N, C-alpha and C. Protein backbone atom coordinates (compact mmCIF):
# COMPACT_ATOMS: atom_id res chain seq x y z
N MET A 1 -88.91 71.52 142.86
CA MET A 1 -89.47 71.39 141.46
C MET A 1 -88.03 70.70 140.65
N PRO A 2 -88.64 69.29 139.73
CA PRO A 2 -87.40 69.00 139.15
C PRO A 2 -87.10 69.46 138.12
N ASP A 3 -85.88 69.15 137.65
CA ASP A 3 -85.59 70.01 136.56
C ASP A 3 -86.21 69.38 135.09
N ALA A 4 -86.45 70.38 134.19
CA ALA A 4 -87.31 70.07 133.12
C ALA A 4 -86.34 69.60 132.04
N GLN A 5 -87.21 68.18 131.53
CA GLN A 5 -86.26 67.40 130.59
C GLN A 5 -86.32 67.96 129.26
N PRO A 6 -85.21 67.91 128.49
CA PRO A 6 -85.30 68.29 127.16
C PRO A 6 -86.40 67.62 126.16
N SER A 7 -86.96 68.10 125.63
CA SER A 7 -87.94 67.65 124.74
C SER A 7 -87.15 66.76 123.48
N ALA A 8 -88.13 65.59 123.27
CA ALA A 8 -87.30 64.58 122.39
C ALA A 8 -87.45 65.36 121.04
N LEU A 9 -86.32 65.15 120.04
CA LEU A 9 -86.22 65.57 119.01
C LEU A 9 -87.32 65.24 118.01
N PRO A 10 -88.05 66.12 117.30
CA PRO A 10 -89.21 65.38 116.37
C PRO A 10 -88.42 64.71 115.08
N THR A 11 -89.26 63.95 114.52
CA THR A 11 -88.71 63.00 113.63
C THR A 11 -89.17 63.39 112.35
N VAL A 12 -88.37 63.00 111.35
CA VAL A 12 -89.04 63.31 109.96
C VAL A 12 -90.30 62.27 109.66
N GLY A 13 -90.70 61.06 110.25
CA GLY A 13 -91.61 60.16 110.15
C GLY A 13 -92.47 61.33 110.41
N GLU A 14 -92.84 61.59 111.70
CA GLU A 14 -93.68 62.05 112.71
C GLU A 14 -94.29 63.36 111.78
N VAL A 15 -93.46 63.99 111.00
CA VAL A 15 -94.00 65.44 110.55
C VAL A 15 -94.31 64.99 109.03
N LEU A 16 -93.55 64.06 108.18
CA LEU A 16 -93.98 63.81 107.14
C LEU A 16 -94.83 62.61 106.52
N GLY A 17 -94.87 61.80 107.69
CA GLY A 17 -95.77 60.68 107.27
C GLY A 17 -97.11 60.60 107.10
N PRO A 18 -98.07 61.49 108.08
CA PRO A 18 -99.27 62.03 107.97
C PRO A 18 -99.53 62.37 106.47
N ILE A 19 -98.59 63.06 105.66
CA ILE A 19 -98.92 63.76 104.57
C ILE A 19 -98.69 62.80 103.44
N VAL A 20 -97.68 61.87 103.45
CA VAL A 20 -97.48 60.77 102.85
C VAL A 20 -98.66 59.71 103.06
N ALA A 21 -99.12 59.31 104.10
CA ALA A 21 -100.44 58.41 104.15
C ALA A 21 -101.50 58.95 103.40
N LYS A 22 -101.73 60.53 103.07
CA LYS A 22 -102.79 61.03 102.42
C LYS A 22 -102.82 60.82 100.80
N VAL A 23 -101.50 60.45 100.40
CA VAL A 23 -101.16 60.43 99.15
C VAL A 23 -101.42 58.86 98.50
N ALA A 24 -102.02 58.79 97.41
CA ALA A 24 -102.39 57.48 96.62
C ALA A 24 -101.07 56.55 96.92
N PRO A 25 -100.91 55.33 97.31
CA PRO A 25 -99.85 54.53 97.34
C PRO A 25 -98.80 54.55 96.13
N GLU A 26 -99.60 54.60 94.90
CA GLU A 26 -98.66 54.48 93.70
C GLU A 26 -97.97 56.05 93.13
N GLN A 27 -98.23 56.95 94.18
CA GLN A 27 -97.69 58.24 94.12
C GLN A 27 -96.72 58.68 95.05
N GLN A 28 -96.87 57.78 96.24
CA GLN A 28 -95.83 57.72 97.28
C GLN A 28 -94.44 58.20 97.06
N PRO A 29 -93.69 57.39 96.03
CA PRO A 29 -92.66 57.49 95.67
C PRO A 29 -92.17 58.76 95.14
N LEU A 30 -93.00 59.18 94.30
CA LEU A 30 -92.67 60.72 93.95
C LEU A 30 -93.04 61.67 94.80
N LEU A 31 -93.82 61.61 96.02
CA LEU A 31 -93.79 62.69 96.76
C LEU A 31 -92.50 62.67 97.65
N ILE A 32 -92.15 61.30 98.03
CA ILE A 32 -90.60 61.18 98.78
C ILE A 32 -89.69 61.98 97.90
N ALA A 33 -89.82 61.65 96.83
CA ALA A 33 -88.45 62.20 95.76
C ALA A 33 -88.69 63.66 95.82
N LEU A 34 -89.91 64.33 96.05
CA LEU A 34 -89.71 65.80 96.34
C LEU A 34 -89.07 66.23 97.43
N ALA A 35 -89.43 65.51 98.60
CA ALA A 35 -88.78 65.62 99.92
C ALA A 35 -87.23 65.41 99.76
N GLU A 36 -86.94 64.22 98.86
CA GLU A 36 -85.25 64.23 98.62
C GLU A 36 -84.76 65.65 98.24
N ARG A 37 -85.33 66.07 96.99
CA ARG A 37 -84.86 67.32 96.77
C ARG A 37 -84.69 68.60 97.86
N ILE A 38 -85.86 68.33 98.60
CA ILE A 38 -85.84 69.44 99.67
C ILE A 38 -84.69 68.99 100.59
N ALA A 39 -84.54 67.78 100.85
CA ALA A 39 -83.42 67.68 102.13
C ALA A 39 -82.13 68.09 101.26
N ALA A 40 -81.99 67.95 99.96
CA ALA A 40 -80.75 68.45 99.01
C ALA A 40 -80.12 69.75 99.28
N GLY A 41 -81.54 70.53 99.39
CA GLY A 41 -80.93 71.99 99.84
C GLY A 41 -80.41 72.13 101.18
N ARG A 42 -81.25 71.32 102.09
CA ARG A 42 -80.89 71.63 103.46
C ARG A 42 -79.41 71.12 103.52
N TYR A 43 -79.32 70.04 102.85
CA TYR A 43 -77.41 69.77 102.88
C TYR A 43 -76.65 70.59 102.32
N ARG A 44 -76.95 71.57 101.23
CA ARG A 44 -76.23 72.60 100.62
C ARG A 44 -75.87 73.61 101.65
N ALA A 45 -77.31 73.88 102.26
CA ALA A 45 -77.14 74.82 103.11
C ALA A 45 -75.96 74.51 104.22
N TRP A 46 -76.13 73.71 104.79
CA TRP A 46 -75.35 73.12 105.93
C TRP A 46 -73.94 73.32 105.06
N ALA A 47 -73.65 72.99 103.95
CA ALA A 47 -72.19 72.69 103.67
C ALA A 47 -71.65 74.22 103.29
N ASP A 48 -72.78 75.25 102.93
CA ASP A 48 -72.39 76.63 103.04
C ASP A 48 -71.83 77.07 104.20
N GLN A 49 -72.35 76.58 105.50
CA GLN A 49 -72.11 77.15 106.66
C GLN A 49 -70.40 75.95 107.42
N ALA A 50 -70.25 75.00 106.85
CA ALA A 50 -69.28 74.28 107.10
C ALA A 50 -68.20 74.74 107.15
N GLY A 51 -67.31 74.59 108.55
CA GLY A 51 -66.27 75.25 108.77
C GLY A 51 -65.03 74.92 108.18
N ASP A 52 -64.86 73.67 107.25
CA ASP A 52 -63.46 73.31 106.78
C ASP A 52 -64.14 72.56 105.42
N SER A 53 -63.06 72.27 104.60
CA SER A 53 -63.45 71.95 103.21
C SER A 53 -63.81 70.52 103.28
N ALA A 54 -63.31 69.52 104.03
CA ALA A 54 -63.64 68.17 104.16
C ALA A 54 -64.97 67.96 104.76
N ARG A 55 -65.28 68.87 105.70
CA ARG A 55 -66.68 68.55 105.97
C ARG A 55 -67.73 69.16 104.92
N ARG A 56 -67.41 70.17 104.16
CA ARG A 56 -68.49 70.73 103.23
C ARG A 56 -68.48 69.90 102.02
N ALA A 57 -67.23 69.07 101.71
CA ALA A 57 -67.60 68.21 100.79
C ALA A 57 -68.10 66.75 100.91
N ARG A 58 -68.30 66.36 102.42
CA ARG A 58 -69.33 65.32 102.79
C ARG A 58 -70.48 65.69 103.00
N LEU A 59 -71.15 67.08 103.16
CA LEU A 59 -72.21 67.45 102.97
C LEU A 59 -72.73 67.42 101.44
N LEU A 60 -71.81 68.21 100.78
CA LEU A 60 -72.01 68.32 99.28
C LEU A 60 -72.42 66.70 98.37
N ALA A 61 -71.72 65.82 98.94
CA ALA A 61 -71.84 64.59 98.73
C ALA A 61 -73.24 64.18 99.05
N CYS A 62 -73.69 64.39 100.13
CA CYS A 62 -74.81 64.11 100.64
C CYS A 62 -75.92 64.82 100.07
N ALA A 63 -75.91 65.76 99.57
CA ALA A 63 -76.89 66.65 98.83
C ALA A 63 -76.87 65.95 97.38
N ASP A 64 -75.58 65.63 96.86
CA ASP A 64 -75.59 64.95 95.64
C ASP A 64 -76.54 63.18 95.65
N ARG A 65 -76.38 62.70 96.59
CA ARG A 65 -77.28 61.52 97.07
C ARG A 65 -78.43 61.82 96.94
N GLU A 66 -78.95 62.89 97.39
CA GLU A 66 -80.30 63.05 97.78
C GLU A 66 -81.00 63.37 96.49
N GLU A 67 -80.17 64.07 95.36
CA GLU A 67 -80.53 64.25 93.90
C GLU A 67 -80.65 63.16 93.36
N GLU A 68 -79.55 62.58 93.61
CA GLU A 68 -79.68 61.28 92.77
C GLU A 68 -80.97 60.40 93.13
N VAL A 69 -80.95 59.97 94.49
CA VAL A 69 -82.34 59.44 94.66
C VAL A 69 -83.65 59.82 94.20
N ALA A 70 -83.89 61.29 93.91
CA ALA A 70 -85.08 61.69 93.75
C ALA A 70 -84.76 61.57 92.08
N ARG A 71 -83.84 61.78 91.29
CA ARG A 71 -83.79 61.33 89.70
C ARG A 71 -83.96 59.93 89.44
N ARG A 72 -83.39 59.03 90.16
CA ARG A 72 -83.73 57.56 89.79
C ARG A 72 -85.22 56.95 89.98
N VAL A 73 -85.90 57.60 90.93
CA VAL A 73 -87.49 57.60 91.56
C VAL A 73 -88.30 58.13 90.31
N GLU A 74 -87.72 59.32 90.26
CA GLU A 74 -88.55 59.78 89.12
C GLU A 74 -88.56 59.22 87.69
N ALA A 75 -87.42 58.72 87.51
CA ALA A 75 -87.17 58.15 86.21
C ALA A 75 -87.99 56.79 85.93
N LEU A 76 -88.63 55.99 86.99
CA LEU A 76 -89.36 55.29 86.90
C LEU A 76 -90.64 55.54 86.59
N PHE A 77 -91.39 56.60 86.47
CA PHE A 77 -92.68 57.36 86.07
C PHE A 77 -92.47 58.38 85.00
N ALA A 78 -93.11 57.63 83.95
CA ALA A 78 -93.61 58.33 82.87
C ALA A 78 -94.15 59.95 82.95
N ASP A 79 -95.00 59.91 83.91
CA ASP A 79 -95.61 61.12 84.31
C ASP A 79 -95.41 61.92 85.54
N ALA A 80 -93.93 61.51 86.02
CA ALA A 80 -93.49 62.15 87.11
C ALA A 80 -93.44 63.75 87.09
N ALA A 81 -93.09 64.25 86.48
CA ALA A 81 -93.38 66.03 86.50
C ALA A 81 -94.45 66.07 86.69
N GLU A 82 -95.35 65.76 85.91
CA GLU A 82 -96.99 66.23 86.24
C GLU A 82 -97.58 65.97 87.73
N VAL A 83 -97.31 64.37 88.13
CA VAL A 83 -97.75 63.94 89.08
C VAL A 83 -97.19 65.00 90.16
N GLN A 84 -96.10 65.08 90.34
CA GLN A 84 -95.16 66.10 90.95
C GLN A 84 -95.51 67.48 91.29
N ALA A 85 -95.84 67.99 89.93
CA ALA A 85 -96.68 69.22 90.17
C ALA A 85 -97.87 69.32 91.00
N ASP A 86 -98.83 68.39 90.67
CA ASP A 86 -99.99 68.26 91.40
C ASP A 86 -99.91 68.14 93.05
N LEU A 87 -98.72 67.39 93.24
CA LEU A 87 -98.40 67.13 94.64
C LEU A 87 -98.16 68.46 95.41
N LEU A 88 -97.21 69.08 94.71
CA LEU A 88 -96.65 70.43 95.25
C LEU A 88 -97.83 71.55 95.33
N ALA A 89 -98.74 71.15 94.18
CA ALA A 89 -99.95 72.23 94.65
C ALA A 89 -100.88 71.79 95.96
N GLN A 90 -100.73 70.43 96.03
CA GLN A 90 -101.82 70.06 96.99
C GLN A 90 -101.12 70.11 98.29
N TYR A 91 -99.91 70.20 98.38
CA TYR A 91 -99.00 70.09 99.66
C TYR A 91 -98.16 71.34 99.68
N ALA A 92 -98.65 72.46 99.48
CA ALA A 92 -97.57 73.64 99.12
C ALA A 92 -96.49 74.22 100.11
N GLY A 93 -97.18 73.56 101.45
CA GLY A 93 -96.50 73.83 102.74
C GLY A 93 -95.09 72.75 102.78
N LEU A 94 -95.02 71.91 101.98
CA LEU A 94 -94.16 70.60 102.47
C LEU A 94 -92.79 71.18 102.50
N GLU A 95 -91.92 72.20 102.12
CA GLU A 95 -90.61 72.87 102.48
C GLU A 95 -90.91 73.60 103.81
N GLU A 96 -91.73 74.37 103.92
CA GLU A 96 -92.02 74.74 105.30
C GLU A 96 -91.99 74.05 106.66
N ILE A 97 -92.99 72.92 106.39
CA ILE A 97 -92.56 71.84 107.22
C ILE A 97 -91.50 70.96 107.56
N TYR A 98 -91.03 70.75 106.47
CA TYR A 98 -89.57 70.34 106.86
C TYR A 98 -88.54 71.13 107.18
N ARG A 99 -88.68 72.43 106.79
CA ARG A 99 -87.66 73.09 107.62
C ARG A 99 -87.99 73.65 108.98
N GLY A 100 -89.27 73.13 109.27
CA GLY A 100 -89.65 73.46 110.96
C GLY A 100 -89.06 72.17 111.82
N LEU A 101 -88.78 71.41 111.02
CA LEU A 101 -88.08 70.37 112.07
C LEU A 101 -86.80 70.97 112.59
N PHE A 102 -85.90 71.78 111.92
CA PHE A 102 -84.65 72.03 112.11
C PHE A 102 -84.68 73.37 112.38
N ASP A 103 -85.48 74.45 111.93
CA ASP A 103 -85.25 75.98 112.71
C ASP A 103 -85.16 75.99 114.22
N GLY A 104 -84.08 76.91 114.39
CA GLY A 104 -83.66 76.92 115.74
C GLY A 104 -82.95 75.86 116.44
N ARG A 105 -82.73 75.07 115.96
CA ARG A 105 -82.01 73.67 116.88
C ARG A 105 -80.31 73.85 116.39
N PRO A 106 -79.61 73.28 117.28
CA PRO A 106 -78.34 73.24 117.09
C PRO A 106 -77.79 72.02 115.74
N VAL A 107 -76.59 72.41 115.33
CA VAL A 107 -76.70 71.85 114.15
C VAL A 107 -76.57 70.42 114.40
N ALA A 108 -75.83 70.00 115.62
CA ALA A 108 -75.79 68.41 115.83
C ALA A 108 -77.12 68.13 116.03
N ASP A 109 -77.98 68.33 116.62
CA ASP A 109 -79.56 68.01 116.42
C ASP A 109 -80.00 68.04 115.12
N GLN A 110 -80.04 68.85 114.29
CA GLN A 110 -80.22 69.03 112.71
C GLN A 110 -79.80 67.63 112.03
N PHE A 111 -78.50 67.53 112.38
CA PHE A 111 -77.86 66.26 111.79
C PHE A 111 -78.41 64.98 112.33
N THR A 112 -78.71 65.10 113.73
CA THR A 112 -79.11 63.65 114.31
C THR A 112 -80.74 63.41 113.66
N ILE A 113 -81.46 64.64 113.64
CA ILE A 113 -83.00 64.48 112.88
C ILE A 113 -82.80 63.91 111.29
N GLN A 114 -81.65 64.40 110.46
CA GLN A 114 -81.89 64.19 109.33
C GLN A 114 -81.11 62.82 109.01
N ALA A 115 -80.41 62.39 109.85
CA ALA A 115 -79.48 61.15 110.02
C ALA A 115 -80.90 59.82 110.25
N GLN A 116 -81.52 60.38 111.18
CA GLN A 116 -82.89 59.33 111.40
C GLN A 116 -83.83 59.30 110.15
N GLY A 117 -84.00 60.81 109.51
CA GLY A 117 -84.62 60.45 108.31
C GLY A 117 -84.19 59.83 107.20
N GLU A 118 -82.87 59.82 107.20
CA GLU A 118 -81.89 58.84 106.20
C GLU A 118 -82.43 57.62 106.22
N ARG A 119 -82.34 57.33 107.63
CA ARG A 119 -82.59 55.72 107.80
C ARG A 119 -84.16 55.29 107.70
N LEU A 120 -84.84 56.32 108.04
CA LEU A 120 -86.67 56.27 107.68
C LEU A 120 -86.32 55.97 106.31
N GLY A 121 -85.72 56.79 105.37
CA GLY A 121 -85.99 56.67 104.02
C GLY A 121 -85.51 55.43 103.45
N ALA A 122 -84.68 55.18 104.05
CA ALA A 122 -83.86 53.79 103.48
C ALA A 122 -85.15 52.97 103.82
N ALA A 123 -85.28 52.55 105.08
CA ALA A 123 -86.73 51.48 105.16
C ALA A 123 -87.65 51.72 104.25
N THR A 124 -87.93 52.86 104.24
CA THR A 124 -89.40 53.11 103.07
C THR A 124 -88.97 52.74 101.80
N TRP A 125 -87.74 52.99 101.34
CA TRP A 125 -87.31 52.28 99.91
C TRP A 125 -87.42 50.91 99.91
N ARG A 126 -87.01 50.29 100.99
CA ARG A 126 -86.89 48.61 101.07
C ARG A 126 -88.47 48.32 101.03
N SER A 127 -89.33 48.90 101.66
CA SER A 127 -90.47 48.78 101.79
C SER A 127 -91.12 48.68 100.24
N PHE A 128 -90.76 49.62 99.70
CA PHE A 128 -91.62 49.93 98.35
C PHE A 128 -90.77 48.73 97.29
N ALA A 129 -89.56 48.45 97.64
CA ALA A 129 -88.87 47.41 96.87
C ALA A 129 -89.58 46.20 96.99
N GLN A 130 -90.18 45.83 98.31
CA GLN A 130 -90.77 44.29 98.72
C GLN A 130 -92.15 44.54 98.02
N ARG A 131 -92.79 45.87 97.50
CA ARG A 131 -94.34 45.69 97.21
C ARG A 131 -94.43 45.67 95.63
N THR A 132 -93.31 45.99 95.14
CA THR A 132 -93.57 46.22 93.53
C THR A 132 -93.14 44.69 92.95
N ARG A 133 -93.60 44.69 91.77
CA ARG A 133 -93.57 43.24 91.17
C ARG A 133 -92.61 43.78 89.76
N ASP A 134 -92.19 44.85 89.70
CA ASP A 134 -91.34 45.51 88.81
C ASP A 134 -89.89 45.10 89.21
N ASP A 135 -88.93 44.55 88.49
CA ASP A 135 -87.62 44.34 89.04
C ASP A 135 -86.92 45.50 88.74
N VAL A 136 -86.96 46.49 87.71
CA VAL A 136 -86.30 47.65 87.64
C VAL A 136 -86.64 48.66 89.05
N ALA A 137 -87.80 48.85 89.18
CA ALA A 137 -88.17 49.33 90.20
C ALA A 137 -87.87 49.05 91.42
N ARG A 138 -87.65 47.78 91.75
CA ARG A 138 -87.29 46.89 92.96
C ARG A 138 -85.67 47.17 93.09
N LYS A 139 -84.83 46.87 91.88
CA LYS A 139 -83.39 47.65 92.22
C LYS A 139 -83.17 49.17 92.41
N THR A 140 -84.21 49.79 91.67
CA THR A 140 -84.01 50.85 91.85
C THR A 140 -84.13 51.82 93.60
N TYR A 141 -85.50 50.86 94.00
CA TYR A 141 -85.64 51.27 95.47
C TYR A 141 -84.38 50.75 96.52
N LEU A 142 -84.00 49.60 95.94
CA LEU A 142 -82.86 48.97 96.93
C LEU A 142 -81.53 49.97 96.77
N ASP A 143 -81.16 50.55 95.62
CA ASP A 143 -80.08 51.34 95.43
C ASP A 143 -80.44 52.41 96.56
N CYS A 144 -81.60 53.05 95.98
CA CYS A 144 -82.05 54.49 97.05
C CYS A 144 -81.80 54.14 98.24
N ALA A 145 -82.18 52.68 98.85
CA ALA A 145 -81.88 52.53 100.23
C ALA A 145 -80.41 52.52 100.84
N ASP A 146 -79.74 52.31 99.73
CA ASP A 146 -78.14 52.24 100.10
C ASP A 146 -77.63 53.80 100.21
N LEU A 147 -78.27 54.62 99.25
CA LEU A 147 -77.76 55.87 99.20
C LEU A 147 -77.98 56.63 100.47
N GLU A 148 -79.57 56.38 100.72
CA GLU A 148 -79.92 56.99 102.01
C GLU A 148 -78.99 56.61 103.41
N GLU A 149 -78.69 55.13 103.30
CA GLU A 149 -77.77 54.86 104.46
C GLU A 149 -76.75 55.54 104.52
N ASP A 150 -76.02 55.52 103.17
CA ASP A 150 -74.46 56.19 103.12
C ASP A 150 -74.52 57.80 103.73
N SER A 151 -75.66 58.36 103.50
CA SER A 151 -75.80 59.74 104.11
C SER A 151 -76.16 59.67 105.54
N ALA A 152 -76.74 58.74 106.10
CA ALA A 152 -76.97 58.52 107.37
C ALA A 152 -75.63 58.43 108.41
N VAL A 153 -74.83 57.80 107.49
CA VAL A 153 -73.55 57.54 108.23
C VAL A 153 -72.66 58.62 108.44
N VAL A 154 -72.99 59.45 107.24
CA VAL A 154 -72.13 60.69 107.25
C VAL A 154 -72.32 61.37 108.47
N LEU A 155 -73.81 61.86 108.39
CA LEU A 155 -74.42 62.50 109.73
C LEU A 155 -74.03 62.23 110.81
N GLU A 156 -73.81 60.73 111.03
CA GLU A 156 -73.91 60.26 112.51
C GLU A 156 -72.32 60.51 112.52
N ASP A 157 -71.56 60.43 111.94
CA ASP A 157 -70.23 60.64 111.91
C ASP A 157 -69.66 62.18 112.44
N LEU A 158 -70.43 63.00 111.52
CA LEU A 158 -70.25 64.28 111.99
C LEU A 158 -70.76 64.75 113.15
N VAL A 159 -71.86 63.86 113.49
CA VAL A 159 -72.31 64.33 115.06
C VAL A 159 -70.95 63.92 116.07
N ARG A 160 -70.98 62.75 115.87
CA ARG A 160 -69.74 62.28 116.80
C ARG A 160 -68.58 63.04 116.92
N THR A 161 -68.03 63.47 115.76
CA THR A 161 -66.54 64.20 115.79
C THR A 161 -66.98 65.49 116.12
N GLY A 162 -67.74 66.10 116.11
CA GLY A 162 -68.31 67.60 116.56
C GLY A 162 -67.98 68.62 115.30
N PRO A 163 -67.95 69.65 115.44
CA PRO A 163 -67.89 70.77 114.62
C PRO A 163 -66.70 71.22 114.08
C-alpha cells in the first residue's frame, strides 16, 4: 500500500472566491475589505502567540497593513458602512469560513496559506485598478496591492526562518 500523500493546503481563493463571485462587482471591494479586517484579527492572534518580540512586531505590522487596506478601500465608498452591514448580514459565516482555512494546521502551514492569500489579494486589487476609470480608486487599489505584497514577504520569511 503506498504512503498517503498529504493533502494540498486550501487556498483563500478556493474558499472565499465563490462568495466574492456572488456579490455585485461594485460591492466586491467592500466585501474584500471585510475579509482584510478578519485577516488582521488572525495576524493579531499569531502575534499574541509569537515567541519573540521581533516576530510579534512583524505580525502586528501585517495586521496594521490589513486594517490600512480596509480603511483605504472603505474610504472610496460613501455608503461603505451600510453596504458592509448588508454584506455581513448576507454572509454571516464569513469569519468562520475564513477561520476554517487555518484551524488545526501547523503555524507554518497557516502562514503559507495566508501568504498565498496576500498574493491573491494583491492580484485582486490590481485587477480592480485595471477595471476602474477613477484615478483615485486606481491609485488606492495599487497601493493596497503593495501593502498585500509586503505582508506576503513577511510571512514567507517567517516560514523560511521557522519558529
